[in-house]
Each structure stands twice: as C-alpha cells, then as structure tokens.
Amino acid sequence: MTKLDEIKYVDWQFKLNDIGDVAEGVEDINQCIAIILNTPKGTDPHRPTFGSNIYKYVDYPINVAKPNIIRETIDSISLWETRISINKTSVEINGSTITIKIEWTLKSGKTSGTAEVVL
C-alpha cells in the first residue's frame, strides 16, 4: 500500500474501494477512465456533461450497441481524460455484462496502458 508520503507522481488520487491507498501513474489513469465510463452524464451537479451515455445502449441489439458504446467511450475519454491518446477500443458483451478494453498512450511520454472497465 502506498502511503501519502510515498507518492511519486504529480497526478494521483485515492484508490476506490481501498481505504488509505492511492492510485498513481498508470493505475491513476485507468481509475479515471473507469470513473468517466461509469458516471452517467448529468449526475454530477457541478459538471453536468461529465461522464458517458453508455448506459443508454445496454438494451440495444448487440450489433447496434457495440459501435455506439465504442463511440461513446472514445468521445467521453477524449473530452475528460486529456492526458492520453486512445490507440484501440474494443467491447465484449456477454449476457448482462459489458466489458470495455481501452489501449492508450500518454501524450507527454512513452507510457502506455490498458484499461478494462466492466459495466
């Protein structure tokens, strides 16, 4: 567990569901992506356009839902997570579970990562 006095990065945040630990570096960006995609637009009163509208497509046929979820993912992350460039996005729908995989690269360096968000 990383303590507050052990933080090495400028960008960091408290880790979700892990009291006292912090997310920094790649883990911070992946957590930001998960927060963006899991937040329905209009639910943050101070930022009404924050989040995504992915939830609107959960009842669509798979061939219609996938491209809309990918578009919504790219649009939302591009708007709210400006530190990265998206290289590839894929969606898997298995029953009632939607898994979104995002491969990204940091704009200011060579760091890259893969975020997996399950809805």
C-alpha atoms as a PDB file:
ATOM      1  CA  MET A   1       0.000   0.000   0.000  1.00  0.00           C
ATOM      2  CA  THR A   2       1.333   3.426  -0.957  1.00  0.00           C
ATOM      3  CA  LYS A   3       1.289   5.951   1.872  1.00  0.00           C
ATOM      4  CA  LEU A   4       0.748   9.674   1.287  1.00  0.00           C
ATOM      5  CA  ASP A   5       4.409  10.469   1.919  1.00  0.00           C
ATOM      6  CA  GLU A   6       5.484   7.823  -0.645  1.00  0.00           C
ATOM      7  CA  ILE A   7       3.643   9.340  -3.646  1.00  0.00           C
ATOM      8  CA  LYS A   8       5.974   9.702  -6.649  1.00  0.00           C
ATOM      9  CA  TYR A   9       3.679  11.249  -9.274  1.00  0.00           C
ATOM     10  CA  VAL A  10       2.120  14.681  -9.636  1.00  0.00           C
ATOM     11  CA  ASP A  11      -1.193  13.125 -10.670  1.00  0.00           C
ATOM     12  CA  TRP A  12      -2.687  10.806  -8.078  1.00  0.00           C
ATOM     13  CA  GLN A  13      -5.979  10.112  -6.326  1.00  0.00           C
ATOM     14  CA  PHE A  14      -7.282   7.948  -3.551  1.00  0.00           C
ATOM     15  CA  LYS A  15      -7.912   4.407  -4.757  1.00  0.00           C
ATOM     16  CA  LEU A  16     -11.561   3.446  -4.972  1.00  0.00           C
ATOM     17  CA  ASN A  17     -12.700   0.736  -2.556  1.00  0.00           C
ATOM     18  CA  ASP A  18      -9.296   0.579  -0.859  1.00  0.00           C
ATOM     19  CA  ILE A  19      -9.228   2.884   2.175  1.00  0.00           C
ATOM     20  CA  GLY A  20      -5.918   4.645   2.738  1.00  0.00           C
ATOM     21  CA  ASP A  21      -4.269   3.599  -0.533  1.00  0.00           C
ATOM     22  CA  VAL A  22      -3.601   5.830  -3.541  1.00  0.00           C
ATOM     23  CA  ALA A  23      -3.655   5.285  -7.288  1.00  0.00           C
ATOM     24  CA  GLU A  24      -0.856   6.927  -9.232  1.00  0.00           C
ATOM     25  CA  GLY A  25       0.731   6.595 -12.662  1.00  0.00           C
ATOM     26  CA  VAL A  26      -0.957   4.079 -14.966  1.00  0.00           C
ATOM     27  CA  GLU A  27      -3.283   2.990 -12.178  1.00  0.00           C
ATOM     28  CA  ASP A  28      -4.491   6.604 -11.742  1.00  0.00           C
ATOM     29  CA  ILE A  29      -5.322   6.941 -15.432  1.00  0.00           C
ATOM     30  CA  ASN A  30      -7.114   3.581 -15.521  1.00  0.00           C
ATOM     31  CA  GLN A  31      -9.162   4.594 -12.480  1.00  0.00           C
ATOM     32  CA  CYS A  32     -10.049   7.926 -14.116  1.00  0.00           C
ATOM     33  CA  ILE A  33     -11.212   6.075 -17.239  1.00  0.00           C
ATOM     34  CA  ALA A  34     -13.384   3.763 -15.132  1.00  0.00           C
ATOM     35  CA  ILE A  35     -14.922   6.726 -13.299  1.00  0.00           C
ATOM     36  CA  ILE A  36     -15.693   8.525 -16.583  1.00  0.00           C
ATOM     37  CA  LEU A  37     -17.339   5.494 -18.175  1.00  0.00           C
ATOM     38  CA  ASN A  38     -19.317   4.503 -15.063  1.00  0.00           C
ATOM     39  CA  THR A  39     -20.733   8.002 -14.464  1.00  0.00           C
ATOM     40  CA  PRO A  40     -23.925   8.763 -16.403  1.00  0.00           C
ATOM     41  CA  LYS A  41     -23.920  12.256 -17.912  1.00  0.00           C
ATOM     42  CA  GLY A  42     -25.982  14.681 -15.854  1.00  0.00           C
ATOM     43  CA  THR A  43     -25.379  13.021 -12.479  1.00  0.00           C
ATOM     44  CA  ASP A  44     -22.528  15.311 -11.376  1.00  0.00           C
ATOM     45  CA  PRO A  45     -24.233  18.601 -10.455  1.00  0.00           C
ATOM     46  CA  HIS A  46     -21.066  20.689 -10.836  1.00  0.00           C
ATOM     47  CA  ARG A  47     -20.102  19.097 -14.169  1.00  0.00           C
ATOM     48  CA  PRO A  48     -23.346  18.147 -15.934  1.00  0.00           C
ATOM     49  CA  THR A  49     -21.540  16.972 -19.087  1.00  0.00           C
ATOM     50  CA  PHE A  50     -19.093  14.745 -17.160  1.00  0.00           C
ATOM     51  CA  GLY A  51     -19.355  11.021 -17.783  1.00  0.00           C
ATOM     52  CA  SER A  52     -20.780   8.985 -20.627  1.00  0.00           C
ATOM     53  CA  ASN A  53     -24.086   7.829 -22.037  1.00  0.00           C
ATOM     54  CA  ILE A  54     -23.043   4.174 -22.357  1.00  0.00           C
ATOM     55  CA  TYR A  55     -25.968   3.063 -20.205  1.00  0.00           C
ATOM     56  CA  LYS A  56     -28.387   4.163 -22.961  1.00  0.00           C
ATOM     57  CA  TYR A  57     -27.224   1.299 -25.179  1.00  0.00           C
ATOM     58  CA  VAL A  58     -27.468  -1.661 -22.797  1.00  0.00           C
ATOM     59  CA  ASP A  59     -30.836  -2.831 -24.205  1.00  0.00           C
ATOM     60  CA  TYR A  60     -29.944  -2.346 -27.878  1.00  0.00           C
ATOM     61  CA  PRO A  61     -29.198  -5.312 -30.142  1.00  0.00           C
ATOM     62  CA  ILE A  62     -25.503  -6.221 -29.917  1.00  0.00           C
ATOM     63  CA  ASN A  63     -24.718  -5.155 -33.496  1.00  0.00           C
ATOM     64  CA  VAL A  64     -26.120  -1.691 -32.728  1.00  0.00           C
ATOM     65  CA  ALA A  65     -24.853  -1.419 -29.140  1.00  0.00           C
ATOM     66  CA  LYS A  66     -21.160  -2.163 -29.799  1.00  0.00           C
ATOM     67  CA  PRO A  67     -20.403   0.709 -32.211  1.00  0.00           C
ATOM     68  CA  ASN A  68     -22.391   3.155 -30.072  1.00  0.00           C
ATOM     69  CA  ILE A  69     -20.575   2.074 -26.900  1.00  0.00           C
ATOM     70  CA  ILE A  70     -17.212   2.429 -28.663  1.00  0.00           C
ATOM     71  CA  ARG A  71     -18.138   5.897 -29.941  1.00  0.00           C
ATOM     72  CA  GLU A  72     -19.385   6.983 -26.533  1.00  0.00           C
ATOM     73  CA  THR A  73     -16.222   5.598 -24.895  1.00  0.00           C
ATOM     74  CA  ILE A  74     -13.881   7.450 -27.245  1.00  0.00           C
ATOM     75  CA  ASP A  75     -15.860  10.710 -27.063  1.00  0.00           C
ATOM     76  CA  SER A  76     -16.087  10.694 -23.257  1.00  0.00           C
ATOM     77  CA  ILE A  77     -12.466   9.761 -22.607  1.00  0.00           C
ATOM     78  CA  SER A  78     -11.182  12.242 -25.203  1.00  0.00           C
ATOM     79  CA  LEU A  79     -13.135  15.023 -23.527  1.00  0.00           C
ATOM     80  CA  TRP A  80     -12.388  14.221 -19.878  1.00  0.00           C
ATOM     81  CA  GLU A  81      -9.035  12.412 -19.817  1.00  0.00           C
ATOM     82  CA  THR A  82      -6.827  14.749 -21.819  1.00  0.00           C
ATOM     83  CA  ARG A  83      -3.541  13.180 -20.669  1.00  0.00           C
ATOM     84  CA  ILE A  84      -3.889  10.219 -23.032  1.00  0.00           C
ATOM     85  CA  SER A  85      -4.432   9.253 -26.661  1.00  0.00           C
ATOM     86  CA  ILE A  86      -6.620   6.228 -27.342  1.00  0.00           C
ATOM     87  CA  ASN A  87      -4.982   3.610 -29.570  1.00  0.00           C
ATOM     88  CA  LYS A  88      -7.658   0.921 -29.592  1.00  0.00           C
ATOM     89  CA  THR A  89     -11.055   0.277 -28.044  1.00  0.00           C
ATOM     90  CA  SER A  90     -12.999  -2.974 -28.003  1.00  0.00           C
ATOM     91  CA  VAL A  91     -16.274  -4.091 -26.461  1.00  0.00           C
ATOM     92  CA  GLU A  92     -17.360  -7.553 -25.376  1.00  0.00           C
ATOM     93  CA  ILE A  93     -20.979  -8.192 -24.437  1.00  0.00           C
ATOM     94  CA  ASN A  94     -21.641 -11.401 -22.524  1.00  0.00           C
ATOM     95  CA  GLY A  95     -25.147 -11.667 -21.196  1.00  0.00           C
ATOM     96  CA  SER A  96     -25.720  -8.671 -18.935  1.00  0.00           C
ATOM     97  CA  THR A  97     -22.001  -7.833 -18.646  1.00  0.00           C
ATOM     98  CA  ILE A  98     -20.313  -5.266 -20.881  1.00  0.00           C
ATOM     99  CA  THR A  99     -16.505  -5.247 -20.854  1.00  0.00           C
ATOM    100  CA  ILE A 100     -14.721  -2.323 -22.487  1.00  0.00           C
ATOM    101  CA  LYS A 101     -10.975  -2.516 -23.152  1.00  0.00           C
ATOM    102  CA  ILE A 102      -9.081   0.674 -23.924  1.00  0.00           C
ATOM    103  CA  GLU A 103      -5.443   0.704 -25.035  1.00  0.00           C
ATOM    104  CA  TRP A 104      -3.938   4.132 -24.503  1.00  0.00           C
ATOM    105  CA  THR A 105      -0.659   6.070 -24.642  1.00  0.00           C
ATOM    106  CA  LEU A 106       0.314   9.038 -22.518  1.00  0.00           C
ATOM    107  CA  LYS A 107       0.520  12.196 -24.669  1.00  0.00           C
ATOM    108  CA  SER A 108       3.538  13.545 -22.807  1.00  0.00           C
ATOM    109  CA  GLY A 109       5.640  10.408 -22.926  1.00  0.00           C
ATOM    110  CA  LYS A 110       6.042   6.811 -23.948  1.00  0.00           C
ATOM    111  CA  THR A 111       4.000   5.344 -21.105  1.00  0.00           C
ATOM    112  CA  SER A 112       1.089   3.211 -22.244  1.00  0.00           C
ATOM    113  CA  GLY A 113      -1.512   1.078 -20.593  1.00  0.00           C
ATOM    114  CA  THR A 114      -4.690  -0.897 -20.966  1.00  0.00           C
ATOM    115  CA  ALA A 115      -7.823  -0.122 -19.004  1.00  0.00           C
ATOM    116  CA  GLU A 116     -10.580  -2.699 -18.640  1.00  0.00           C
ATOM    117  CA  VAL A 117     -13.933  -1.421 -17.444  1.00  0.00           C
ATOM    118  CA  VAL A 118     -16.758  -3.825 -16.621  1.00  0.00           C
ATOM    119  CA  LEU A 119     -20.272  -2.431 -16.602  1.00  0.00           C
END
